[in-house]
Amino acid sequence: MTGEQNDRSADPTRVRNQPALRGTGRALWLTLGGILAAITITMLTFELPLQFGIALSGIIAVAVLYLLMVVSAVTMPPTRRRSHTLAWLMGAIAVAGIAALMIVLTVESS
């Protein structure tokens, strides 16, 4: 590794060098991911009477993504890779929830 690359990897202001991504705190990721999943599933549950299939698909997607978070937290060794995987899965939960909601709103508005 060159000196410049080493300096960049040690820079605490880089997004990839956040303590949450450097640490091995799976409990934090699972707790926050669970809260996000619960809020998303609750929101989509209220959408079931409007568009049952779309809302149910969103609920299933969020539940599967959270299950993948749990499996990743338990089976992966405590490295940065696990933290990155948990971060991506939590982001995917948010995207799946927003996408399902937007699809329901678009279908209902037309």
N, C-alpha and C. Protein backbone atom coordinates (compact mmCIF):
# COMPACT_ATOMS: atom_id res chain seq x y z
N MET A 1 0.84 -1.18 0.00
CA MET A 1 0.00 0.00 0.00
C MET A 1 0.89 1.24 0.00
N THR A 2 0.55 2.19 -0.77
CA THR A 2 1.33 3.42 -0.80
C THR A 2 0.95 4.29 0.39
N GLY A 3 1.77 5.30 0.64
CA GLY A 3 1.51 6.20 1.76
C GLY A 3 0.20 6.94 1.63
N GLU A 4 -0.14 7.36 0.40
CA GLU A 4 -1.38 8.09 0.18
C GLU A 4 -2.61 7.21 0.43
N GLN A 5 -2.56 5.97 -0.01
CA GLN A 5 -3.67 5.05 0.23
C GLN A 5 -3.82 4.77 1.72
N ASN A 6 -2.72 4.62 2.42
CA ASN A 6 -2.76 4.37 3.85
C ASN A 6 -3.34 5.56 4.59
N ASP A 7 -3.00 6.79 4.15
CA ASP A 7 -3.55 8.00 4.77
C ASP A 7 -5.05 8.07 4.56
N ARG A 8 -5.52 7.72 3.36
CA ARG A 8 -6.95 7.75 3.07
C ARG A 8 -7.71 6.73 3.91
N SER A 9 -7.13 5.54 4.10
CA SER A 9 -7.83 4.51 4.85
C SER A 9 -7.86 4.83 6.35
N ALA A 10 -6.97 5.67 6.81
CA ALA A 10 -6.96 6.06 8.22
C ALA A 10 -7.74 7.34 8.49
N ASP A 11 -8.23 8.00 7.46
CA ASP A 11 -8.95 9.26 7.60
C ASP A 11 -10.32 9.03 8.23
N PRO A 12 -10.57 9.55 9.44
CA PRO A 12 -11.84 9.30 10.12
C PRO A 12 -13.04 10.01 9.51
N THR A 13 -12.80 10.94 8.57
CA THR A 13 -13.91 11.65 7.95
C THR A 13 -14.48 10.91 6.75
N ARG A 14 -13.83 9.87 6.30
CA ARG A 14 -14.34 9.08 5.17
C ARG A 14 -15.56 8.27 5.62
N VAL A 15 -16.51 8.12 4.73
CA VAL A 15 -17.74 7.41 5.04
C VAL A 15 -17.45 5.97 5.47
N ARG A 16 -16.52 5.33 4.84
CA ARG A 16 -16.20 3.93 5.15
C ARG A 16 -15.46 3.76 6.46
N ASN A 17 -15.02 4.85 7.07
CA ASN A 17 -14.29 4.76 8.33
C ASN A 17 -15.13 5.16 9.53
N GLN A 18 -16.44 5.14 9.41
CA GLN A 18 -17.31 5.45 10.55
C GLN A 18 -17.17 4.35 11.59
N PRO A 19 -17.28 4.70 12.87
CA PRO A 19 -17.17 3.68 13.92
C PRO A 19 -18.17 2.54 13.76
N ALA A 20 -19.37 2.83 13.27
CA ALA A 20 -20.38 1.78 13.10
C ALA A 20 -19.95 0.76 12.05
N LEU A 21 -19.17 1.18 11.07
CA LEU A 21 -18.72 0.26 10.04
C LEU A 21 -17.39 -0.39 10.38
N ARG A 22 -16.65 0.18 11.31
CA ARG A 22 -15.38 -0.42 11.72
C ARG A 22 -15.58 -1.42 12.84
N GLY A 23 -16.59 -1.18 13.67
CA GLY A 23 -16.80 -2.03 14.83
C GLY A 23 -17.49 -3.33 14.48
N THR A 24 -17.71 -4.12 15.51
CA THR A 24 -18.35 -5.42 15.32
C THR A 24 -19.70 -5.46 16.03
N GLY A 25 -20.31 -4.30 16.27
CA GLY A 25 -21.53 -4.21 17.05
C GLY A 25 -22.76 -4.72 16.33
N ARG A 26 -22.90 -6.03 16.27
CA ARG A 26 -24.07 -6.58 15.57
C ARG A 26 -25.36 -6.28 16.30
N ALA A 27 -25.31 -6.15 17.63
CA ALA A 27 -26.54 -5.86 18.39
C ALA A 27 -27.11 -4.50 17.98
N LEU A 28 -26.25 -3.53 17.77
CA LEU A 28 -26.70 -2.21 17.34
C LEU A 28 -27.39 -2.28 15.98
N TRP A 29 -26.75 -2.96 15.03
CA TRP A 29 -27.34 -3.08 13.69
C TRP A 29 -28.66 -3.83 13.73
N LEU A 30 -28.73 -4.91 14.51
CA LEU A 30 -29.96 -5.69 14.58
C LEU A 30 -31.08 -4.91 15.27
N THR A 31 -30.73 -4.14 16.28
CA THR A 31 -31.73 -3.33 16.97
C THR A 31 -32.30 -2.26 16.05
N LEU A 32 -31.42 -1.49 15.43
CA LEU A 32 -31.88 -0.42 14.53
C LEU A 32 -32.58 -0.99 13.30
N GLY A 33 -32.07 -2.09 12.77
CA GLY A 33 -32.72 -2.74 11.63
C GLY A 33 -34.09 -3.27 12.00
N GLY A 34 -34.22 -3.80 13.22
CA GLY A 34 -35.51 -4.30 13.69
C GLY A 34 -36.52 -3.18 13.86
N ILE A 35 -36.06 -2.04 14.37
CA ILE A 35 -36.96 -0.88 14.52
C ILE A 35 -37.42 -0.41 13.14
N LEU A 36 -36.47 -0.30 12.20
CA LEU A 36 -36.83 0.12 10.85
C LEU A 36 -37.79 -0.87 10.20
N ALA A 37 -37.52 -2.16 10.36
CA ALA A 37 -38.39 -3.18 9.78
C ALA A 37 -39.78 -3.13 10.41
N ALA A 38 -39.86 -2.94 11.72
CA ALA A 38 -41.16 -2.87 12.40
C ALA A 38 -41.97 -1.67 11.92
N ILE A 39 -41.31 -0.52 11.79
CA ILE A 39 -42.00 0.68 11.30
C ILE A 39 -42.48 0.47 9.87
N THR A 40 -41.62 -0.12 9.05
CA THR A 40 -41.97 -0.34 7.64
C THR A 40 -43.12 -1.33 7.50
N ILE A 41 -43.06 -2.42 8.26
CA ILE A 41 -44.13 -3.43 8.20
C ILE A 41 -45.43 -2.85 8.71
N THR A 42 -45.38 -2.05 9.77
CA THR A 42 -46.59 -1.41 10.29
C THR A 42 -47.20 -0.48 9.24
N MET A 43 -46.35 0.32 8.61
CA MET A 43 -46.81 1.24 7.59
C MET A 43 -47.47 0.48 6.43
N LEU A 44 -46.84 -0.60 6.00
CA LEU A 44 -47.39 -1.37 4.89
C LEU A 44 -48.64 -2.15 5.29
N THR A 45 -48.76 -2.49 6.55
CA THR A 45 -49.97 -3.17 7.03
C THR A 45 -51.18 -2.27 6.86
N PHE A 46 -51.01 -0.98 7.10
CA PHE A 46 -52.11 -0.03 6.91
C PHE A 46 -52.47 0.13 5.42
N GLU A 47 -51.55 -0.24 4.54
CA GLU A 47 -51.79 -0.15 3.10
C GLU A 47 -52.47 -1.40 2.55
N LEU A 48 -52.58 -2.47 3.33
CA LEU A 48 -53.17 -3.72 2.84
C LEU A 48 -54.58 -3.56 2.27
N PRO A 49 -55.47 -2.78 2.91
CA PRO A 49 -56.80 -2.64 2.31
C PRO A 49 -56.80 -1.92 0.96
N LEU A 50 -55.80 -1.11 0.71
CA LEU A 50 -55.75 -0.37 -0.55
C LEU A 50 -55.24 -1.24 -1.71
N GLN A 51 -54.08 -1.81 -1.53
CA GLN A 51 -53.45 -2.66 -2.56
C GLN A 51 -52.85 -3.87 -1.86
N PHE A 52 -53.64 -4.90 -1.70
CA PHE A 52 -53.23 -6.05 -0.91
C PHE A 52 -51.94 -6.70 -1.43
N GLY A 53 -51.88 -6.98 -2.72
CA GLY A 53 -50.73 -7.68 -3.28
C GLY A 53 -49.43 -6.91 -3.17
N ILE A 54 -49.49 -5.63 -3.47
CA ILE A 54 -48.28 -4.80 -3.42
C ILE A 54 -47.80 -4.65 -1.98
N ALA A 55 -48.73 -4.35 -1.08
CA ALA A 55 -48.36 -4.18 0.32
C ALA A 55 -47.82 -5.48 0.91
N LEU A 56 -48.47 -6.60 0.60
CA LEU A 56 -48.01 -7.89 1.11
C LEU A 56 -46.62 -8.22 0.57
N SER A 57 -46.39 -7.92 -0.70
CA SER A 57 -45.06 -8.15 -1.28
C SER A 57 -44.00 -7.32 -0.56
N GLY A 58 -44.33 -6.08 -0.23
CA GLY A 58 -43.40 -5.23 0.51
C GLY A 58 -43.13 -5.77 1.91
N ILE A 59 -44.18 -6.24 2.57
CA ILE A 59 -44.02 -6.81 3.91
C ILE A 59 -43.12 -8.05 3.86
N ILE A 60 -43.35 -8.91 2.88
CA ILE A 60 -42.53 -10.11 2.75
C ILE A 60 -41.08 -9.74 2.45
N ALA A 61 -40.87 -8.78 1.56
CA ALA A 61 -39.50 -8.35 1.22
C ALA A 61 -38.77 -7.82 2.44
N VAL A 62 -39.45 -6.98 3.23
CA VAL A 62 -38.82 -6.41 4.43
C VAL A 62 -38.51 -7.52 5.44
N ALA A 63 -39.44 -8.44 5.62
CA ALA A 63 -39.23 -9.53 6.57
C ALA A 63 -38.05 -10.41 6.14
N VAL A 64 -37.96 -10.71 4.85
CA VAL A 64 -36.85 -11.53 4.35
C VAL A 64 -35.52 -10.79 4.51
N LEU A 65 -35.50 -9.50 4.22
CA LEU A 65 -34.27 -8.73 4.38
C LEU A 65 -33.82 -8.68 5.84
N TYR A 66 -34.77 -8.53 6.76
CA TYR A 66 -34.38 -8.54 8.17
C TYR A 66 -33.90 -9.92 8.59
N LEU A 67 -34.54 -10.97 8.09
CA LEU A 67 -34.07 -12.32 8.37
C LEU A 67 -32.64 -12.51 7.86
N LEU A 68 -32.35 -11.96 6.68
CA LEU A 68 -30.97 -12.01 6.17
C LEU A 68 -30.01 -11.25 7.07
N MET A 69 -30.48 -10.14 7.66
CA MET A 69 -29.63 -9.41 8.62
C MET A 69 -29.28 -10.30 9.81
N VAL A 70 -30.28 -10.99 10.33
CA VAL A 70 -30.05 -11.85 11.49
C VAL A 70 -29.09 -12.99 11.13
N VAL A 71 -29.33 -13.62 9.99
CA VAL A 71 -28.46 -14.72 9.55
C VAL A 71 -27.03 -14.22 9.34
N SER A 72 -26.88 -13.06 8.72
CA SER A 72 -25.54 -12.49 8.50
C SER A 72 -24.86 -12.17 9.82
N ALA A 73 -25.60 -11.62 10.76
CA ALA A 73 -25.01 -11.26 12.06
C ALA A 73 -24.55 -12.49 12.82
N VAL A 74 -25.26 -13.59 12.67
CA VAL A 74 -24.92 -14.80 13.42
C VAL A 74 -23.83 -15.61 12.73
N THR A 75 -23.87 -15.68 11.41
CA THR A 75 -22.96 -16.59 10.72
C THR A 75 -21.64 -15.96 10.26
N MET A 76 -21.61 -14.65 10.05
CA MET A 76 -20.38 -14.04 9.55
C MET A 76 -19.42 -13.73 10.70
N PRO A 77 -18.12 -13.86 10.45
CA PRO A 77 -17.15 -13.50 11.50
C PRO A 77 -17.18 -12.00 11.76
N PRO A 78 -16.80 -11.57 12.97
CA PRO A 78 -16.86 -10.14 13.33
C PRO A 78 -15.78 -9.32 12.62
N THR A 79 -16.06 -8.93 11.41
CA THR A 79 -15.13 -8.13 10.63
C THR A 79 -15.87 -6.94 10.03
N ARG A 80 -15.13 -6.09 9.33
CA ARG A 80 -15.77 -4.96 8.63
C ARG A 80 -16.77 -5.45 7.60
N ARG A 81 -16.50 -6.59 7.03
CA ARG A 81 -17.40 -7.14 6.01
C ARG A 81 -18.79 -7.38 6.58
N ARG A 82 -18.86 -7.89 7.81
CA ARG A 82 -20.17 -8.11 8.43
C ARG A 82 -20.88 -6.78 8.65
N SER A 83 -20.17 -5.78 9.12
CA SER A 83 -20.77 -4.46 9.34
C SER A 83 -21.27 -3.86 8.03
N HIS A 84 -20.50 -4.01 6.97
CA HIS A 84 -20.92 -3.50 5.67
C HIS A 84 -22.15 -4.26 5.16
N THR A 85 -22.16 -5.56 5.36
CA THR A 85 -23.32 -6.36 4.94
C THR A 85 -24.57 -5.93 5.69
N LEU A 86 -24.45 -5.75 6.99
CA LEU A 86 -25.61 -5.33 7.79
C LEU A 86 -26.08 -3.93 7.39
N ALA A 87 -25.14 -3.05 7.07
CA ALA A 87 -25.51 -1.70 6.63
C ALA A 87 -26.25 -1.75 5.29
N TRP A 88 -25.76 -2.54 4.36
CA TRP A 88 -26.44 -2.67 3.06
C TRP A 88 -27.83 -3.27 3.21
N LEU A 89 -27.95 -4.28 4.06
CA LEU A 89 -29.26 -4.90 4.25
C LEU A 89 -30.24 -3.93 4.90
N MET A 90 -29.75 -3.12 5.84
CA MET A 90 -30.63 -2.13 6.45
C MET A 90 -31.07 -1.08 5.42
N GLY A 91 -30.16 -0.69 4.57
CA GLY A 91 -30.52 0.23 3.50
C GLY A 91 -31.52 -0.39 2.54
N ALA A 92 -31.37 -1.68 2.28
CA ALA A 92 -32.31 -2.38 1.40
C ALA A 92 -33.70 -2.45 2.02
N ILE A 93 -33.77 -2.57 3.34
CA ILE A 93 -35.07 -2.56 4.03
C ILE A 93 -35.75 -1.21 3.79
N ALA A 94 -34.99 -0.14 3.94
CA ALA A 94 -35.56 1.20 3.74
C ALA A 94 -36.02 1.38 2.29
N VAL A 95 -35.21 0.95 1.33
CA VAL A 95 -35.56 1.10 -0.08
C VAL A 95 -36.79 0.26 -0.42
N ALA A 96 -36.85 -0.96 0.09
CA ALA A 96 -38.01 -1.83 -0.20
C ALA A 96 -39.29 -1.22 0.36
N GLY A 97 -39.23 -0.68 1.56
CA GLY A 97 -40.41 -0.07 2.15
C GLY A 97 -40.87 1.16 1.40
N ILE A 98 -39.93 2.02 1.04
CA ILE A 98 -40.28 3.23 0.29
C ILE A 98 -40.81 2.87 -1.09
N ALA A 99 -40.18 1.89 -1.74
CA ALA A 99 -40.63 1.49 -3.07
C ALA A 99 -42.06 0.93 -3.02
N ALA A 100 -42.34 0.07 -2.05
CA ALA A 100 -43.69 -0.49 -1.93
C ALA A 100 -44.71 0.61 -1.67
N LEU A 101 -44.37 1.54 -0.79
CA LEU A 101 -45.28 2.64 -0.50
C LEU A 101 -45.53 3.51 -1.73
N MET A 102 -44.47 3.82 -2.45
CA MET A 102 -44.61 4.65 -3.64
C MET A 102 -45.44 3.96 -4.72
N ILE A 103 -45.27 2.66 -4.87
CA ILE A 103 -46.06 1.92 -5.85
C ILE A 103 -47.53 1.94 -5.45
N VAL A 104 -47.82 1.71 -4.17
CA VAL A 104 -49.21 1.77 -3.71
C VAL A 104 -49.81 3.15 -3.96
N LEU A 105 -49.06 4.19 -3.62
CA LEU A 105 -49.56 5.55 -3.82
C LEU A 105 -49.77 5.87 -5.30
N THR A 106 -48.87 5.41 -6.14
CA THR A 106 -49.00 5.65 -7.58
C THR A 106 -50.22 4.93 -8.15
N VAL A 107 -50.41 3.69 -7.78
CA VAL A 107 -51.55 2.91 -8.28
C VAL A 107 -52.86 3.52 -7.77
N GLU A 108 -52.89 3.94 -6.51
CA GLU A 108 -54.11 4.48 -5.94
C GLU A 108 -54.45 5.87 -6.49
N SER A 109 -53.45 6.62 -6.90
CA SER A 109 -53.72 7.97 -7.40
C SER A 109 -54.19 7.98 -8.85
N SER A 110 -54.00 6.87 -9.54
CA SER A 110 -54.44 6.85 -10.95
C SER A 110 -55.81 6.23 -11.12
